[in-house]
């Protein structure tokens, strides 16, 4: 079995004033919350964004597991649309004591390099900070964190740092190399 050496960096913001928003991209780019929990749409976003950068941890999730996860209070998916077409997403996952993880963030390959990512990350981070305003019963956010790794896009770490995230942990691990099919086998051009 072939393995990869993967470096994972964890970053955080500890105050809403840490956020340094990106400039909105030109054109008709909108960020909208997907308010109806949809396993099909969640899987589409996950596989479409992560297919070429080896996102594999959710590929085996069943429909029921997707449904259960997306129905949890406070889990939100915010989708960037470029002229009506989904371009990428940011997924918020609250934990105890006011901690919100940006569980997933990224763009579909055709939309990368168009200044949408910084805007989407800024918007999603702001929504992490005001998450409890939309979900009565959640503790107000005290910390927003995320992780990125050496498999992610080459500009990911710089984007996080430009938005005001600070590094707090680095791990290096070996993991099995797994081929990712994207949303369906053969969907992403080789």
C-alpha atoms as a PDB file:
ATOM      1  CA  UNK A   1       0.000   0.000   0.000  1.00  0.00           C
ATOM      2  CA  UNK A   2       1.284   3.435  -0.945  1.00  0.00           C
ATOM      3  CA  UNK A   3       1.306   6.069   1.780  1.00  0.00           C
ATOM      4  CA  UNK A   4       1.496   9.835   1.810  1.00  0.00           C
ATOM      5  CA  UNK A   5       3.231  12.055   4.338  1.00  0.00           C
ATOM      6  CA  UNK A   6       0.588  14.625   5.260  1.00  0.00           C
ATOM      7  CA  UNK A   7       1.155  17.767   7.302  1.00  0.00           C
ATOM      8  CA  UNK A   8      -1.967  19.111   9.011  1.00  0.00           C
ATOM      9  CA  UNK A   9      -2.094  22.646  10.354  1.00  0.00           C
ATOM     10  CA  UNK A  10      -4.792  23.779  12.809  1.00  0.00           C
ATOM     11  CA  UNK A  11      -5.636  27.473  12.924  1.00  0.00           C
ATOM     12  CA  UNK A  12      -7.986  29.572  15.034  1.00  0.00           C
ATOM     13  CA  UNK A  13      -9.565  32.915  15.715  1.00  0.00           C
ATOM     14  CA  UNK A  14     -10.424  33.771  19.316  1.00  0.00           C
ATOM     15  CA  UNK A  15     -12.352  36.982  18.699  1.00  0.00           C
ATOM     16  CA  UNK A  16     -14.621  38.261  15.925  1.00  0.00           C
ATOM     17  CA  UNK A  17     -12.204  41.187  15.594  1.00  0.00           C
ATOM     18  CA  UNK A  18      -9.546  38.714  14.368  1.00  0.00           C
ATOM     19  CA  UNK A  19     -11.406  38.388  11.054  1.00  0.00           C
ATOM     20  CA  UNK A  20      -9.830  40.343   8.191  1.00  0.00           C
ATOM     21  CA  UNK A  21     -12.420  40.136   5.393  1.00  0.00           C
ATOM     22  CA  UNK A  22     -11.431  39.773   1.769  1.00  0.00           C
ATOM     23  CA  UNK A  23     -12.767  42.086  -0.875  1.00  0.00           C
ATOM     24  CA  UNK A  24     -15.856  40.737  -2.603  1.00  0.00           C
ATOM     25  CA  UNK A  25     -15.124  39.409  -6.101  1.00  0.00           C
ATOM     26  CA  UNK A  26     -16.450  41.199  -9.151  1.00  0.00           C
ATOM     27  CA  UNK A  27     -19.542  39.899 -10.876  1.00  0.00           C
ATOM     28  CA  UNK A  28     -22.633  38.147  -9.609  1.00  0.00           C
ATOM     29  CA  UNK A  29     -21.212  36.082  -6.723  1.00  0.00           C
ATOM     30  CA  UNK A  30     -23.598  35.412  -3.848  1.00  0.00           C
ATOM     31  CA  UNK A  31     -23.278  33.354  -0.705  1.00  0.00           C
ATOM     32  CA  UNK A  32     -26.494  31.676   0.422  1.00  0.00           C
ATOM     33  CA  UNK A  33     -27.213  29.298   3.272  1.00  0.00           C
ATOM     34  CA  UNK A  34     -28.506  25.881   2.214  1.00  0.00           C
ATOM     35  CA  UNK A  35     -31.267  25.810   4.828  1.00  0.00           C
ATOM     36  CA  UNK A  36     -32.831  22.471   3.893  1.00  0.00           C
ATOM     37  CA  UNK A  37     -30.641  19.587   5.121  1.00  0.00           C
ATOM     38  CA  UNK A  38     -29.982  17.597   1.930  1.00  0.00           C
ATOM     39  CA  UNK A  39     -27.660  14.580   1.968  1.00  0.00           C
ATOM     40  CA  UNK A  40     -27.556  14.649  -1.851  1.00  0.00           C
ATOM     41  CA  UNK A  41     -26.427  18.272  -1.943  1.00  0.00           C
ATOM     42  CA  UNK A  42     -23.977  17.824   0.942  1.00  0.00           C
ATOM     43  CA  UNK A  43     -22.383  14.857  -0.809  1.00  0.00           C
ATOM     44  CA  UNK A  44     -22.300  16.740  -4.121  1.00  0.00           C
ATOM     45  CA  UNK A  45     -20.447  19.680  -2.552  1.00  0.00           C
ATOM     46  CA  UNK A  46     -18.042  17.466  -0.613  1.00  0.00           C
ATOM     47  CA  UNK A  47     -17.130  15.293  -3.609  1.00  0.00           C
ATOM     48  CA  UNK A  48     -17.061  18.143  -6.136  1.00  0.00           C
ATOM     49  CA  UNK A  49     -14.774  20.359  -4.049  1.00  0.00           C
ATOM     50  CA  UNK A  50     -12.599  17.609  -2.586  1.00  0.00           C
ATOM     51  CA  UNK A  51     -12.414  15.118  -5.440  1.00  0.00           C
ATOM     52  CA  UNK A  52      -9.130  16.383  -6.846  1.00  0.00           C
ATOM     53  CA  UNK A  53      -7.477  17.092  -3.473  1.00  0.00           C
ATOM     54  CA  UNK A  54      -8.050  13.689  -1.887  1.00  0.00           C
ATOM     55  CA  UNK A  55     -10.914  14.340   0.502  1.00  0.00           C
ATOM     56  CA  UNK A  56     -11.839  10.787   1.473  1.00  0.00           C
ATOM     57  CA  UNK A  57     -13.183  10.699   5.033  1.00  0.00           C
ATOM     58  CA  UNK A  58     -16.843  11.103   4.024  1.00  0.00           C
ATOM     59  CA  UNK A  59     -16.887   9.065   0.835  1.00  0.00           C
ATOM     60  CA  UNK A  60     -18.208   6.050   2.713  1.00  0.00           C
ATOM     61  CA  UNK A  61     -20.960   7.899   4.570  1.00  0.00           C
ATOM     62  CA  UNK A  62     -24.415   6.454   4.095  1.00  0.00           C
ATOM     63  CA  UNK A  63     -27.448   8.549   3.250  1.00  0.00           C
ATOM     64  CA  UNK A  64     -28.646   8.129   6.844  1.00  0.00           C
ATOM     65  CA  UNK A  65     -25.337   9.354   8.264  1.00  0.00           C
ATOM     66  CA  UNK A  66     -25.410  12.449   6.023  1.00  0.00           C
ATOM     67  CA  UNK A  67     -29.010  13.133   7.053  1.00  0.00           C
ATOM     68  CA  UNK A  68     -28.225  12.753  10.762  1.00  0.00           C
ATOM     69  CA  UNK A  69     -25.156  15.002  10.570  1.00  0.00           C
ATOM     70  CA  UNK A  70     -26.842  17.763   8.554  1.00  0.00           C
ATOM     71  CA  UNK A  71     -29.858  17.799  10.893  1.00  0.00           C
ATOM     72  CA  UNK A  72     -27.738  18.563  13.975  1.00  0.00           C
ATOM     73  CA  UNK A  73     -28.551  21.983  15.499  1.00  0.00           C
ATOM     74  CA  UNK A  74     -26.087  24.590  14.317  1.00  0.00           C
ATOM     75  CA  UNK A  75     -24.579  22.656  11.405  1.00  0.00           C
ATOM     76  CA  UNK A  76     -24.755  25.046   8.466  1.00  0.00           C
ATOM     77  CA  UNK A  77     -23.648  24.956   4.850  1.00  0.00           C
ATOM     78  CA  UNK A  78     -23.093  28.286   3.110  1.00  0.00           C
ATOM     79  CA  UNK A  79     -22.745  28.038  -0.663  1.00  0.00           C
ATOM     80  CA  UNK A  80     -21.071  30.529  -2.990  1.00  0.00           C
ATOM     81  CA  UNK A  81     -22.867  30.852  -6.323  1.00  0.00           C
ATOM     82  CA  UNK A  82     -21.338  32.424  -9.409  1.00  0.00           C
ATOM     83  CA  UNK A  83     -24.205  33.580 -11.636  1.00  0.00           C
ATOM     84  CA  UNK A  84     -26.456  30.969 -10.039  1.00  0.00           C
ATOM     85  CA  UNK A  85     -24.060  28.013 -10.245  1.00  0.00           C
ATOM     86  CA  UNK A  86     -22.669  26.495  -7.022  1.00  0.00           C
ATOM     87  CA  UNK A  87     -18.979  27.433  -6.893  1.00  0.00           C
ATOM     88  CA  UNK A  88     -17.953  26.212  -3.436  1.00  0.00           C
ATOM     89  CA  UNK A  89     -19.007  25.992   0.178  1.00  0.00           C
ATOM     90  CA  UNK A  90     -18.130  26.485   3.804  1.00  0.00           C
ATOM     91  CA  UNK A  91     -19.534  24.110   6.425  1.00  0.00           C
ATOM     92  CA  UNK A  92     -19.901  25.135  10.069  1.00  0.00           C
ATOM     93  CA  UNK A  93     -19.967  22.538  12.846  1.00  0.00           C
ATOM     94  CA  UNK A  94     -20.559  23.799  16.414  1.00  0.00           C
ATOM     95  CA  UNK A  95     -19.179  22.015  19.461  1.00  0.00           C
ATOM     96  CA  UNK A  96     -19.520  22.620  23.176  1.00  0.00           C
ATOM     97  CA  UNK A  97     -18.598  25.827  24.964  1.00  0.00           C
ATOM     98  CA  UNK A  98     -18.911  28.175  22.015  1.00  0.00           C
ATOM     99  CA  UNK A  99     -16.406  26.492  19.703  1.00  0.00           C
ATOM    100  CA  UNK A 100     -17.283  26.391  16.000  1.00  0.00           C
ATOM    101  CA  UNK A 101     -15.245  24.405  13.496  1.00  0.00           C
ATOM    102  CA  UNK A 102     -15.107  25.325   9.851  1.00  0.00           C
ATOM    103  CA  UNK A 103     -15.339  21.639   9.046  1.00  0.00           C
ATOM    104  CA  UNK A 104     -15.013  22.017   5.267  1.00  0.00           C
ATOM    105  CA  UNK A 105     -14.267  24.893   2.967  1.00  0.00           C
ATOM    106  CA  UNK A 106     -13.332  25.005  -0.679  1.00  0.00           C
ATOM    107  CA  UNK A 107     -14.189  25.707  -4.274  1.00  0.00           C
ATOM    108  CA  UNK A 108     -15.117  23.454  -7.164  1.00  0.00           C
ATOM    109  CA  UNK A 109     -12.008  23.356  -9.408  1.00  0.00           C
ATOM    110  CA  UNK A 110     -13.538  25.430 -12.247  1.00  0.00           C
ATOM    111  CA  UNK A 111     -14.072  28.346  -9.821  1.00  0.00           C
ATOM    112  CA  UNK A 112     -10.623  28.461  -8.215  1.00  0.00           C
ATOM    113  CA  UNK A 113      -8.323  31.391  -8.888  1.00  0.00           C
ATOM    114  CA  UNK A 114     -11.200  33.851  -9.361  1.00  0.00           C
ATOM    115  CA  UNK A 115     -11.057  35.554  -5.916  1.00  0.00           C
ATOM    116  CA  UNK A 116     -14.173  33.763  -4.725  1.00  0.00           C
ATOM    117  CA  UNK A 117     -12.383  31.767  -1.997  1.00  0.00           C
ATOM    118  CA  UNK A 118     -11.294  34.688   0.175  1.00  0.00           C
ATOM    119  CA  UNK A 119     -14.774  36.170   0.029  1.00  0.00           C
ATOM    120  CA  UNK A 120     -16.455  32.843   0.849  1.00  0.00           C
ATOM    121  CA  UNK A 121     -14.078  32.190   3.758  1.00  0.00           C
ATOM    122  CA  UNK A 122     -14.674  35.711   5.111  1.00  0.00           C
ATOM    123  CA  UNK A 123     -18.428  35.288   4.868  1.00  0.00           C
ATOM    124  CA  UNK A 124     -18.391  31.811   6.407  1.00  0.00           C
ATOM    125  CA  UNK A 125     -16.145  32.892   9.272  1.00  0.00           C
ATOM    126  CA  UNK A 126     -18.458  35.817  10.047  1.00  0.00           C
ATOM    127  CA  UNK A 127     -21.378  33.348  10.091  1.00  0.00           C
ATOM    128  CA  UNK A 128     -19.425  31.136  12.518  1.00  0.00           C
ATOM    129  CA  UNK A 129     -19.064  34.112  14.851  1.00  0.00           C
ATOM    130  CA  UNK A 130     -22.810  34.886  14.770  1.00  0.00           C
ATOM    131  CA  UNK A 131     -24.006  31.245  14.672  1.00  0.00           C
ATOM    132  CA  UNK A 132     -25.760  31.396  18.071  1.00  0.00           C
ATOM    133  CA  UNK A 133     -27.904  34.287  16.795  1.00  0.00           C
ATOM    134  CA  UNK A 134     -29.574  31.823  14.389  1.00  0.00           C
ATOM    135  CA  UNK A 135     -29.704  28.842  16.762  1.00  0.00           C
ATOM    136  CA  UNK A 136     -31.346  29.528  20.132  1.00  0.00           C
ATOM    137  CA  UNK A 137     -29.771  27.324  22.760  1.00  0.00           C
ATOM    138  CA  UNK A 138     -26.261  27.387  21.308  1.00  0.00           C
ATOM    139  CA  UNK A 139     -23.559  29.061  23.373  1.00  0.00           C
ATOM    140  CA  UNK A 140     -22.311  32.279  21.747  1.00  0.00           C
ATOM    141  CA  UNK A 141     -19.173  31.645  19.714  1.00  0.00           C
ATOM    142  CA  UNK A 142     -15.888  32.176  21.557  1.00  0.00           C
ATOM    143  CA  UNK A 143     -13.541  30.450  19.122  1.00  0.00           C
ATOM    144  CA  UNK A 144     -13.580  29.541  15.431  1.00  0.00           C
ATOM    145  CA  UNK A 145     -11.075  26.985  14.198  1.00  0.00           C
ATOM    146  CA  UNK A 146     -10.225  24.929  11.139  1.00  0.00           C
ATOM    147  CA  UNK A 147      -7.554  22.698   9.783  1.00  0.00           C
ATOM    148  CA  UNK A 148      -5.859  22.471   6.434  1.00  0.00           C
ATOM    149  CA  UNK A 149      -3.289  20.039   5.164  1.00  0.00           C
ATOM    150  CA  UNK A 150      -0.599  19.541   2.578  1.00  0.00           C
ATOM    151  CA  UNK A 151      -3.164  17.827   0.302  1.00  0.00           C
ATOM    152  CA  UNK A 152      -5.275  21.006   0.075  1.00  0.00           C
ATOM    153  CA  UNK A 153      -4.906  23.678  -2.586  1.00  0.00           C
ATOM    154  CA  UNK A 154      -1.629  25.569  -2.732  1.00  0.00           C
ATOM    155  CA  UNK A 155      -3.258  28.849  -1.651  1.00  0.00           C
ATOM    156  CA  UNK A 156      -5.319  27.481   1.255  1.00  0.00           C
ATOM    157  CA  UNK A 157      -2.932  28.288   4.125  1.00  0.00           C
ATOM    158  CA  UNK A 158      -2.227  31.808   2.865  1.00  0.00           C
ATOM    159  CA  UNK A 159      -5.965  32.489   2.516  1.00  0.00           C
ATOM    160  CA  UNK A 160      -6.605  31.384   6.119  1.00  0.00           C
ATOM    161  CA  UNK A 161      -3.781  33.523   7.448  1.00  0.00           C
ATOM    162  CA  UNK A 162      -4.881  36.574   5.418  1.00  0.00           C
ATOM    163  CA  UNK A 163      -8.345  36.204   6.982  1.00  0.00           C
ATOM    164  CA  UNK A 164      -6.770  36.431  10.466  1.00  0.00           C
ATOM    165  CA  UNK A 165      -6.482  32.774  11.472  1.00  0.00           C
ATOM    166  CA  UNK A 166      -3.468  31.951  13.655  1.00  0.00           C
ATOM    167  CA  UNK A 167      -1.618  28.636  13.663  1.00  0.00           C
ATOM    168  CA  UNK A 168      -1.862  26.695  16.944  1.00  0.00           C
ATOM    169  CA  UNK A 169      -0.854  23.128  16.026  1.00  0.00           C
ATOM    170  CA  UNK A 170       1.068  21.207  13.368  1.00  0.00           C
ATOM    171  CA  UNK A 171       0.998  17.410  12.916  1.00  0.00           C
ATOM    172  CA  UNK A 172       2.828  15.206  10.423  1.00  0.00           C
ATOM    173  CA  UNK A 173       1.409  11.720   9.788  1.00  0.00           C
ATOM    174  CA  UNK A 174       1.565   8.938   7.243  1.00  0.00           C
ATOM    175  CA  UNK A 175      -1.758   7.960   5.717  1.00  0.00           C
ATOM    176  CA  UNK A 176      -2.766   5.544   2.977  1.00  0.00           C
ATOM    177  CA  UNK A 177      -3.070   7.029  -0.482  1.00  0.00           C
ATOM    178  CA  UNK A 178      -6.667   6.615  -1.631  1.00  0.00           C
ATOM    179  CA  UNK A 179      -7.912   7.487  -5.104  1.00  0.00           C
ATOM    180  CA  UNK A 180     -10.868   9.869  -5.013  1.00  0.00           C
ATOM    181  CA  UNK A 181     -13.513   9.677  -7.715  1.00  0.00           C
ATOM    182  CA  UNK A 182     -14.970  13.183  -7.307  1.00  0.00           C
ATOM    183  CA  UNK A 183     -18.751  13.317  -7.564  1.00  0.00           C
ATOM    184  CA  UNK A 184     -18.666  10.241  -9.797  1.00  0.00           C
ATOM    185  CA  UNK A 185     -15.844   8.236 -11.421  1.00  0.00           C
ATOM    186  CA  UNK A 186     -14.256  10.121 -14.268  1.00  0.00           C
ATOM    187  CA  UNK A 187     -15.926  13.455 -13.462  1.00  0.00           C
ATOM    188  CA  UNK A 188     -12.796  15.511 -12.895  1.00  0.00           C
ATOM    189  CA  UNK A 189     -10.460  15.815 -15.887  1.00  0.00           C
ATOM    190  CA  UNK A 190      -7.125  14.123 -15.302  1.00  0.00           C
END
